[in-house]
PDB file of all heavy atoms in Angstrom:
ATOM      1  N   PHE A   1      -3.608  27.923  15.395  1.00  0.00           N
ATOM      2  CA  PHE A   1      -4.036  27.224  14.183  1.00  0.00           C
ATOM      3  C   PHE A   1      -4.724  28.174  13.207  1.00  0.00           C
ATOM      4  O   PHE A   1      -5.640  28.909  13.582  1.00  0.00           O
ATOM      5  CB  PHE A   1      -4.995  26.085  14.520  1.00  0.00           C
ATOM      6  CG  PHE A   1      -4.313  24.862  15.073  1.00  0.00           C
ATOM      7  CD1 PHE A   1      -3.818  24.851  16.367  1.00  0.00           C
ATOM      8  CD2 PHE A   1      -4.176  23.724  14.302  1.00  0.00           C
ATOM      9  CE1 PHE A   1      -3.190  23.731  16.886  1.00  0.00           C
ATOM     10  CE2 PHE A   1      -3.555  22.588  14.800  1.00  0.00           C
ATOM     11  CZ  PHE A   1      -3.056  22.590  16.102  1.00  0.00           C
ATOM     12  N   SER A   2      -4.306  28.133  11.941  1.00  0.00           N
ATOM     13  CA  SER A   2      -5.020  28.861  10.896  1.00  0.00           C
ATOM     14  C   SER A   2      -6.326  28.159  10.548  1.00  0.00           C
ATOM     15  O   SER A   2      -7.327  28.798  10.239  1.00  0.00           O
ATOM     16  CB  SER A   2      -4.161  28.980   9.632  1.00  0.00           C
ATOM     17  OG  SER A   2      -3.097  29.874   9.836  1.00  0.00           O
ATOM     18  N   ILE A   3      -6.296  26.836  10.602  1.00  0.00           N
ATOM     19  CA  ILE A   3      -7.483  26.063  10.257  1.00  0.00           C
ATOM     20  C   ILE A   3      -7.386  24.660  10.840  1.00  0.00           C
ATOM     21  O   ILE A   3      -6.308  24.076  10.896  1.00  0.00           O
ATOM     22  CB  ILE A   3      -7.679  25.992   8.719  1.00  0.00           C
ATOM     23  CG1 ILE A   3      -8.982  25.283   8.366  1.00  0.00           C
ATOM     24  CG2 ILE A   3      -6.498  25.334   8.047  1.00  0.00           C
ATOM     25  CD1 ILE A   3      -9.370  25.424   6.898  1.00  0.00           C
ATOM     26  N   VAL A   4      -8.526  24.169  11.298  1.00  0.00           N
ATOM     27  CA  VAL A   4      -8.672  22.766  11.685  1.00  0.00           C
ATOM     28  C   VAL A   4      -9.716  22.176  10.756  1.00  0.00           C
ATOM     29  O   VAL A   4     -10.895  22.552  10.805  1.00  0.00           O
ATOM     30  CB  VAL A   4      -9.100  22.613  13.153  1.00  0.00           C
ATOM     31  CG1 VAL A   4      -9.350  21.134  13.478  1.00  0.00           C
ATOM     32  CG2 VAL A   4      -8.033  23.184  14.086  1.00  0.00           C
ATOM     33  N   GLY A   5      -9.283  21.291   9.876  1.00  0.00           N
ATOM     34  CA  GLY A   5     -10.208  20.671   8.935  1.00  0.00           C
ATOM     35  C   GLY A   5     -10.975  19.528   9.564  1.00  0.00           C
ATOM     36  O   GLY A   5     -10.626  19.033  10.641  1.00  0.00           O
ATOM     37  N   ILE A   6     -12.020  19.104   8.891  1.00  0.00           N
ATOM     38  CA  ILE A   6     -12.857  18.003   9.342  1.00  0.00           C
ATOM     39  C   ILE A   6     -12.897  16.950   8.238  1.00  0.00           C
ATOM     40  O   ILE A   6     -13.211  17.263   7.079  1.00  0.00           O
ATOM     41  CB  ILE A   6     -14.287  18.491   9.661  1.00  0.00           C
ATOM     42  CG1 ILE A   6     -14.255  19.475  10.840  1.00  0.00           C
ATOM     43  CG2 ILE A   6     -15.213  17.316   9.956  1.00  0.00           C
ATOM     44  CD1 ILE A   6     -13.808  18.890  12.169  1.00  0.00           C
ATOM     45  N   THR A   7     -12.589  15.706   8.586  1.00  0.00           N
ATOM     46  CA  THR A   7     -12.512  14.644   7.587  1.00  0.00           C
ATOM     47  C   THR A   7     -13.818  14.488   6.832  1.00  0.00           C
ATOM     48  O   THR A   7     -13.831  14.302   5.612  1.00  0.00           O
ATOM     49  CB  THR A   7     -12.135  13.311   8.263  1.00  0.00           C
ATOM     50  OG1 THR A   7     -10.915  13.482   8.983  1.00  0.00           O
ATOM     51  CG2 THR A   7     -11.951  12.205   7.231  1.00  0.00           C
ATOM     52  N   GLU A   8     -14.941  14.567   7.550  1.00  0.00           N
ATOM     53  CA  GLU A   8     -16.248  14.415   6.919  1.00  0.00           C
ATOM     54  C   GLU A   8     -16.602  15.611   6.036  1.00  0.00           C
ATOM     55  O   GLU A   8     -17.587  15.558   5.297  1.00  0.00           O
ATOM     56  CB  GLU A   8     -17.320  14.208   7.986  1.00  0.00           C
ATOM     57  CG  GLU A   8     -17.251  12.874   8.705  1.00  0.00           C
ATOM     58  CD  GLU A   8     -16.115  12.781   9.721  1.00  0.00           C
ATOM     59  OE1 GLU A   8     -15.567  13.840  10.126  1.00  0.00           O
ATOM     60  OE2 GLU A   8     -15.759  11.655  10.128  1.00  0.00           O
ATOM     61  N   MET A   9     -15.830  16.668   6.134  1.00  0.00           N
ATOM     62  CA  MET A   9     -15.986  17.848   5.274  1.00  0.00           C
ATOM     63  C   MET A   9     -14.646  18.101   4.583  1.00  0.00           C
ATOM     64  O   MET A   9     -14.129  19.209   4.557  1.00  0.00           O
ATOM     65  CB  MET A   9     -16.415  19.058   6.111  1.00  0.00           C
ATOM     66  CG  MET A   9     -17.734  18.859   6.852  1.00  0.00           C
ATOM     67  SD  MET A   9     -18.082  20.219   8.011  1.00  0.00           S
ATOM     68  CE  MET A   9     -18.306  21.591   6.866  1.00  0.00           C
ATOM     69  N   PHE A  10     -14.094  17.040   4.005  1.00  0.00           N
ATOM     70  CA  PHE A  10     -12.737  17.111   3.481  1.00  0.00           C
ATOM     71  C   PHE A  10     -12.620  18.144   2.363  1.00  0.00           C
ATOM     72  O   PHE A  10     -11.679  18.942   2.341  1.00  0.00           O
ATOM     73  CB  PHE A  10     -12.291  15.740   2.972  1.00  0.00           C
ATOM     74  CG  PHE A  10     -10.815  15.656   2.698  1.00  0.00           C
ATOM     75  CD1 PHE A  10      -9.923  15.352   3.706  1.00  0.00           C
ATOM     76  CD2 PHE A  10     -10.307  15.896   1.430  1.00  0.00           C
ATOM     77  CE1 PHE A  10      -8.561  15.277   3.465  1.00  0.00           C
ATOM     78  CE2 PHE A  10      -8.952  15.829   1.179  1.00  0.00           C
ATOM     79  CZ  PHE A  10      -8.074  15.516   2.203  1.00  0.00           C
ATOM     80  N   ASP A  11     -13.566  18.139   1.439  1.00  0.00           N
ATOM     81  CA  ASP A  11     -13.485  19.077   0.317  1.00  0.00           C
ATOM     82  C   ASP A  11     -13.589  20.524   0.795  1.00  0.00           C
ATOM     83  O   ASP A  11     -12.844  21.398   0.339  1.00  0.00           O
ATOM     84  CB  ASP A  11     -14.577  18.779  -0.704  1.00  0.00           C
ATOM     85  CG  ASP A  11     -14.334  17.477  -1.450  1.00  0.00           C
ATOM     86  OD1 ASP A  11     -13.180  17.016  -1.470  1.00  0.00           O
ATOM     87  OD2 ASP A  11     -15.301  16.928  -2.009  1.00  0.00           O
ATOM     88  N   GLU A  12     -14.517  20.776   1.710  1.00  0.00           N
ATOM     89  CA  GLU A  12     -14.661  22.124   2.254  1.00  0.00           C
ATOM     90  C   GLU A  12     -13.386  22.548   2.992  1.00  0.00           C
ATOM     91  O   GLU A  12     -12.931  23.691   2.863  1.00  0.00           O
ATOM     92  CB  GLU A  12     -15.855  22.189   3.209  1.00  0.00           C
ATOM     93  CG  GLU A  12     -17.203  22.012   2.541  1.00  0.00           C
ATOM     94  CD  GLU A  12     -17.650  20.559   2.473  1.00  0.00           C
ATOM     95  OE1 GLU A  12     -16.791  19.662   2.566  1.00  0.00           O
ATOM     96  OE2 GLU A  12     -18.855  20.311   2.327  1.00  0.00           O
ATOM     97  N   SER A  13     -12.833  21.603   3.756  1.00  0.00           N
ATOM     98  CA  SER A  13     -11.602  21.893   4.504  1.00  0.00           C
ATOM     99  C   SER A  13     -10.461  22.229   3.559  1.00  0.00           C
ATOM    100  O   SER A  13      -9.722  23.198   3.755  1.00  0.00           O
ATOM    101  CB  SER A  13     -11.223  20.685   5.374  1.00  0.00           C
ATOM    102  OG  SER A  13     -12.250  20.351   6.279  1.00  0.00           O
ATOM    103  N   LEU A  14     -10.320  21.418   2.519  1.00  0.00           N
ATOM    104  CA  LEU A  14      -9.229  21.610   1.563  1.00  0.00           C
ATOM    105  C   LEU A  14      -9.381  22.938   0.818  1.00  0.00           C
ATOM    106  O   LEU A  14      -8.397  23.646   0.581  1.00  0.00           O
ATOM    107  CB  LEU A  14      -9.211  20.435   0.587  1.00  0.00           C
ATOM    108  CG  LEU A  14      -8.013  20.315  -0.350  1.00  0.00           C
ATOM    109  CD1 LEU A  14      -6.707  20.332   0.416  1.00  0.00           C
ATOM    110  CD2 LEU A  14      -8.131  19.031  -1.172  1.00  0.00           C
ATOM    111  N   PHE A  15     -10.605  23.281   0.477  1.00  0.00           N
ATOM    112  CA  PHE A  15     -10.850  24.550  -0.203  1.00  0.00           C
ATOM    113  C   PHE A  15     -10.432  25.720   0.683  1.00  0.00           C
ATOM    114  O   PHE A  15      -9.797  26.675   0.207  1.00  0.00           O
ATOM    115  CB  PHE A  15     -12.332  24.668  -0.564  1.00  0.00           C
ATOM    116  CG  PHE A  15     -12.687  25.956  -1.252  1.00  0.00           C
ATOM    117  CD1 PHE A  15     -12.485  26.110  -2.610  1.00  0.00           C
ATOM    118  CD2 PHE A  15     -13.212  27.022  -0.533  1.00  0.00           C
ATOM    119  CE1 PHE A  15     -12.800  27.305  -3.252  1.00  0.00           C
ATOM    120  CE2 PHE A  15     -13.537  28.219  -1.162  1.00  0.00           C
ATOM    121  CZ  PHE A  15     -13.325  28.364  -2.526  1.00  0.00           C
ATOM    122  N   LEU A  16     -10.765  25.675   1.962  1.00  0.00           N
ATOM    123  CA  LEU A  16     -10.386  26.749   2.873  1.00  0.00           C
ATOM    124  C   LEU A  16      -8.873  26.809   3.065  1.00  0.00           C
ATOM    125  O   LEU A  16      -8.298  27.893   3.202  1.00  0.00           O
ATOM    126  CB  LEU A  16     -11.082  26.568   4.222  1.00  0.00           C
ATOM    127  CG  LEU A  16     -12.599  26.793   4.213  1.00  0.00           C
ATOM    128  CD1 LEU A  16     -13.190  26.450   5.575  1.00  0.00           C
ATOM    129  CD2 LEU A  16     -12.936  28.234   3.848  1.00  0.00           C
ATOM    130  N   MET A  17      -8.216  25.656   3.067  1.00  0.00           N
ATOM    131  CA  MET A  17      -6.752  25.636   3.142  1.00  0.00           C
ATOM    132  C   MET A  17      -6.150  26.286   1.909  1.00  0.00           C
ATOM    133  O   MET A  17      -5.161  27.032   2.004  1.00  0.00           O
ATOM    134  CB  MET A  17      -6.255  24.191   3.284  1.00  0.00           C
ATOM    135  CG  MET A  17      -6.606  23.547   4.615  1.00  0.00           C
ATOM    136  SD  MET A  17      -6.276  21.760   4.628  1.00  0.00           S
ATOM    137  CE  MET A  17      -7.035  21.302   6.195  1.00  0.00           C
ATOM    138  N   LYS A  18      -6.724  26.000   0.758  1.00  0.00           N
ATOM    139  CA  LYS A  18      -6.266  26.620  -0.484  1.00  0.00           C
ATOM    140  C   LYS A  18      -6.358  28.141  -0.382  1.00  0.00           C
ATOM    141  O   LYS A  18      -5.421  28.865  -0.743  1.00  0.00           O
ATOM    142  CB  LYS A  18      -7.102  26.120  -1.656  1.00  0.00           C
ATOM    143  CG  LYS A  18      -6.810  26.772  -3.003  1.00  0.00           C
ATOM    144  CD  LYS A  18      -7.738  26.206  -4.079  1.00  0.00           C
ATOM    145  CE  LYS A  18      -7.424  26.783  -5.454  1.00  0.00           C
ATOM    146  NZ  LYS A  18      -7.774  28.213  -5.558  1.00  0.00           N
ATOM    147  N   LYS A  19      -7.480  28.626   0.118  1.00  0.00           N
ATOM    148  CA  LYS A  19      -7.672  30.067   0.288  1.00  0.00           C
ATOM    149  C   LYS A  19      -6.697  30.633   1.316  1.00  0.00           C
ATOM    150  O   LYS A  19      -6.125  31.712   1.127  1.00  0.00           O
ATOM    151  CB  LYS A  19      -9.114  30.346   0.734  1.00  0.00           C
ATOM    152  CG  LYS A  19     -10.162  30.139  -0.329  1.00  0.00           C
ATOM    153  CD  LYS A  19     -10.108  31.264  -1.362  1.00  0.00           C
ATOM    154  CE  LYS A  19     -11.264  31.198  -2.321  1.00  0.00           C
ATOM    155  NZ  LYS A  19     -11.212  32.281  -3.333  1.00  0.00           N
ATOM    156  N   GLN A  20      -6.518  29.915   2.408  1.00  0.00           N
ATOM    157  CA  GLN A  20      -5.689  30.403   3.507  1.00  0.00           C
ATOM    158  C   GLN A  20      -4.219  30.474   3.122  1.00  0.00           C
ATOM    159  O   GLN A  20      -3.524  31.447   3.437  1.00  0.00           O
ATOM    160  CB  GLN A  20      -5.860  29.483   4.719  1.00  0.00           C
ATOM    161  CG  GLN A  20      -5.034  29.870   5.940  1.00  0.00           C
ATOM    162  CD  GLN A  20      -5.582  31.106   6.632  1.00  0.00           C
ATOM    163  OE1 GLN A  20      -6.793  31.249   6.786  1.00  0.00           O
ATOM    164  NE2 GLN A  20      -4.700  32.003   7.053  1.00  0.00           N
ATOM    165  N   PHE A  21      -3.733  29.439   2.443  1.00  0.00           N
ATOM    166  CA  PHE A  21      -2.297  29.320   2.199  1.00  0.00           C
ATOM    167  C   PHE A  21      -1.891  29.594   0.753  1.00  0.00           C
ATOM    168  O   PHE A  21      -0.706  29.496   0.418  1.00  0.00           O
ATOM    169  CB  PHE A  21      -1.824  27.927   2.608  1.00  0.00           C
ATOM    170  CG  PHE A  21      -2.157  27.554   4.026  1.00  0.00           C
ATOM    171  CD1 PHE A  21      -2.947  26.441   4.308  1.00  0.00           C
ATOM    172  CD2 PHE A  21      -1.706  28.329   5.087  1.00  0.00           C
ATOM    173  CE1 PHE A  21      -3.259  26.104   5.602  1.00  0.00           C
ATOM    174  CE2 PHE A  21      -2.020  27.998   6.397  1.00  0.00           C
ATOM    175  CZ  PHE A  21      -2.808  26.886   6.658  1.00  0.00           C
ATOM    176  N   GLY A  22      -2.862  29.930  -0.101  1.00  0.00           N
ATOM    177  CA  GLY A  22      -2.534  30.222  -1.486  1.00  0.00           C
ATOM    178  C   GLY A  22      -2.126  29.001  -2.283  1.00  0.00           C
ATOM    179  O   GLY A  22      -1.307  29.095  -3.211  1.00  0.00           O
ATOM    180  N   TRP A  23      -2.692  27.835  -1.946  1.00  0.00           N
ATOM    181  CA  TRP A  23      -2.355  26.601  -2.640  1.00  0.00           C
ATOM    182  C   TRP A  23      -2.964  26.560  -4.038  1.00  0.00           C
ATOM    183  O   TRP A  23      -3.926  27.248  -4.342  1.00  0.00           O
ATOM    184  CB  TRP A  23      -2.856  25.388  -1.853  1.00  0.00           C
ATOM    185  CG  TRP A  23      -2.125  25.131  -0.576  1.00  0.00           C
ATOM    186  CD1 TRP A  23      -1.010  25.771  -0.114  1.00  0.00           C
ATOM    187  CD2 TRP A  23      -2.470  24.158   0.401  1.00  0.00           C
ATOM    188  NE1 TRP A  23      -0.626  25.249   1.088  1.00  0.00           N
ATOM    189  CE2 TRP A  23      -1.501  24.253   1.434  1.00  0.00           C
ATOM    190  CE3 TRP A  23      -3.486  23.203   0.519  1.00  0.00           C
ATOM    191  CZ2 TRP A  23      -1.539  23.434   2.565  1.00  0.00           C
ATOM    192  CZ3 TRP A  23      -3.519  22.390   1.636  1.00  0.00           C
ATOM    193  CH2 TRP A  23      -2.554  22.502   2.642  1.00  0.00           C
ATOM    194  N   GLU A  24      -2.392  25.682  -4.858  1.00  0.00           N
ATOM    195  CA  GLU A  24      -2.925  25.400  -6.183  1.00  0.00           C
ATOM    196  C   GLU A  24      -3.046  23.888  -6.354  1.00  0.00           C
ATOM    197  O   GLU A  24      -2.497  23.117  -5.572  1.00  0.00           O
ATOM    198  CB  GLU A  24      -2.000  25.981  -7.262  1.00  0.00           C
ATOM    199  CG  GLU A  24      -1.836  27.493  -7.185  1.00  0.00           C
ATOM    200  CD  GLU A  24      -0.878  28.040  -8.220  1.00  0.00           C
ATOM    201  OE1 GLU A  24      -0.283  27.215  -8.949  1.00  0.00           O
ATOM    202  OE2 GLU A  24      -0.736  29.263  -8.311  1.00  0.00           O
ATOM    203  N   HIS A  25      -3.784  23.475  -7.387  1.00  0.00           N
ATOM    204  CA  HIS A  25      -3.857  22.059  -7.757  1.00  0.00           C
ATOM    205  C   HIS A  25      -4.253  21.189  -6.557  1.00  0.00           C
ATOM    206  O   HIS A  25      -3.466  20.361  -6.085  1.00  0.00           O
ATOM    207  CB  HIS A  25      -2.515  21.590  -8.325  1.00  0.00           C
ATOM    208  CG  HIS A  25      -1.945  22.485  -9.367  1.00  0.00           C
ATOM    209  ND1 HIS A  25      -2.619  22.802 -10.534  1.00  0.00           N
ATOM    210  CD2 HIS A  25      -0.778  23.178  -9.417  1.00  0.00           C
ATOM    211  CE1 HIS A  25      -1.883  23.626 -11.266  1.00  0.00           C
ATOM    212  NE2 HIS A  25      -0.773  23.877 -10.602  1.00  0.00           N
ATOM    213  N   ILE A  26      -5.468  21.352  -6.079  1.00  0.00           N
ATOM    214  CA  ILE A  26      -5.900  20.616  -4.886  1.00  0.00           C
ATOM    215  C   ILE A  26      -6.834  19.456  -5.204  1.00  0.00           C
ATOM    216  O   ILE A  26      -7.448  18.886  -4.299  1.00  0.00           O
ATOM    217  CB  ILE A  26      -6.571  21.552  -3.864  1.00  0.00           C
ATOM    218  CG1 ILE A  26      -7.815  22.224  -4.467  1.00  0.00           C
ATOM    219  CG2 ILE A  26      -5.579  22.586  -3.342  1.00  0.00           C
ATOM    220  CD1 ILE A  26      -8.648  22.975  -3.445  1.00  0.00           C
ATOM    221  N   ASN A  27      -6.943  19.076  -6.475  1.00  0.00           N
ATOM    222  CA  ASN A  27      -7.701  17.864  -6.783  1.00  0.00           C
ATOM    223  C   ASN A  27      -6.938  16.654  -6.265  1.00  0.00           C
ATOM    224  O   ASN A  27      -5.700  16.651  -6.215  1.00  0.00           O
ATOM    225  CB  ASN A  27      -7.930  17.741  -8.290  1.00  0.00           C
ATOM    226  CG  ASN A  27      -8.855  18.837  -8.807  1.00  0.00           C
ATOM    227  OD1 ASN A  27      -9.670  19.369  -8.062  1.00  0.00           O
ATOM    228  ND2 ASN A  27      -8.707  19.181 -10.080  1.00  0.00           N
ATOM    229  N   TYR A  28      -7.651  15.615  -5.900  1.00  0.00           N
ATOM    230  CA  TYR A  28      -6.992  14.504  -5.209  1.00  0.00           C
ATOM    231  C   TYR A  28      -7.724  13.191  -5.447  1.00  0.00           C
ATOM    232  O   TYR A  28      -8.882  13.151  -5.860  1.00  0.00           O
ATOM    233  CB  TYR A  28      -6.958  14.772  -3.702  1.00  0.00           C
ATOM    234  CG  TYR A  28      -8.341  14.759  -3.065  1.00  0.00           C
ATOM    235  CD1 TYR A  28      -8.870  13.600  -2.524  1.00  0.00           C
ATOM    236  CD2 TYR A  28      -9.130  15.908  -3.029  1.00  0.00           C
ATOM    237  CE1 TYR A  28     -10.138  13.576  -1.965  1.00  0.00           C
ATOM    238  CE2 TYR A  28     -10.397  15.900  -2.474  1.00  0.00           C
ATOM    239  CZ  TYR A  28     -10.897  14.732  -1.942  1.00  0.00           C
ATOM    240  OH  TYR A  28     -12.163  14.703  -1.401  1.00  0.00           O
ATOM    241  N   ALA A  29      -7.008  12.107  -5.142  1.00  0.00           N
ATOM    242  CA  ALA A  29      -7.600  10.772  -5.006  1.00  0.00           C
ATOM    243  C   ALA A  29      -7.275  10.313  -3.597  1.00  0.00           C
ATOM    244  O   ALA A  29      -6.168  10.522  -3.095  1.00  0.00           O
ATOM    245  CB  ALA A  29      -7.002   9.812  -6.031  1.00  0.00           C
ATOM    246  N   LYS A  30      -8.229   9.688  -2.931  1.00  0.00           N
ATOM    247  CA  LYS A  30      -8.034   9.308  -1.538  1.00  0.00           C
ATOM    248  C   LYS A  30      -6.917   8.277  -1.402  1.00  0.00           C
ATOM    249  O   LYS A  30      -6.792   7.352  -2.201  1.00  0.00           O
ATOM    250  CB  LYS A  30      -9.326   8.751  -0.950  1.00  0.00           C
ATOM    251  CG  LYS A  30     -10.414   9.804  -0.773  1.00  0.00           C
ATOM    252  CD  LYS A  30     -11.660   9.205  -0.139  1.00  0.00           C
ATOM    253  CE  LYS A  30     -12.721  10.282   0.062  1.00  0.00           C
ATOM    254  NZ  LYS A  30     -13.953   9.730   0.666  1.00  0.00           N
ATOM    255  N   LYS A  31      -6.088   8.452  -0.339  1.00  0.00           N
ATOM    256  CA  LYS A  31      -4.976   7.549  -0.066  1.00  0.00           C
ATOM    257  C   LYS A  31      -5.160   6.906   1.313  1.00  0.00           C
ATOM    258  O   LYS A  31      -5.760   7.473   2.215  1.00  0.00           O
ATOM    259  CB  LYS A  31      -3.641   8.311  -0.096  1.00  0.00           C
ATOM    260  CG  LYS A  31      -3.342   9.016  -1.422  1.00  0.00           C
ATOM    261  CD  LYS A  31      -3.068   8.015  -2.522  1.00  0.00           C
ATOM    262  CE  LYS A  31      -2.721   8.718  -3.832  1.00  0.00           C
ATOM    263  NZ  LYS A  31      -2.490   7.763  -4.925  1.00  0.00           N
ATOM    264  N   ASN A  32      -4.611   5.689   1.457  1.00  0.00           N
ATOM    265  CA  ASN A  32      -4.555   5.013   2.754  1.00  0.00           C
ATOM    266  C   ASN A  32      -5.941   4.758   3.345  1.00  0.00           C
ATOM    267  O   ASN A  32      -6.148   4.841   4.544  1.00  0.00           O
ATOM    268  CB  ASN A  32      -3.715   5.839   3.744  1.00  0.00           C
ATOM    269  CG  ASN A  32      -3.182   4.992   4.890  1.00  0.00           C
ATOM    270  OD1 ASN A  32      -2.920   3.812   4.712  1.00  0.00           O
ATOM    271  ND2 ASN A  32      -3.027   5.605   6.055  1.00  0.00           N
ATOM    272  N   VAL A  33      -6.908   4.459   2.470  1.00  0.00           N
ATOM    273  CA  VAL A  33      -8.256   4.154   2.937  1.00  0.00           C
ATOM    274  C   VAL A  33      -8.300   2.714   3.441  1.00  0.00           C
ATOM    275  O   VAL A  33      -7.824   1.799   2.761  1.00  0.00           O
ATOM    276  CB  VAL A  33      -9.288   4.339   1.807  1.00  0.00           C
ATOM    277  CG1 VAL A  33     -10.683   3.949   2.280  1.00  0.00           C
ATOM    278  CG2 VAL A  33      -9.271   5.788   1.324  1.00  0.00           C
TER     279      VAL A  33
END
């Protein structure tokens, strides 16, 4: 695993994924709540 995110730290997890995988446009609205 490159990264295991934590739901309670969703923003931090997503930011690290962006750094790890070179993602862009990671702003979001929650789905399936």
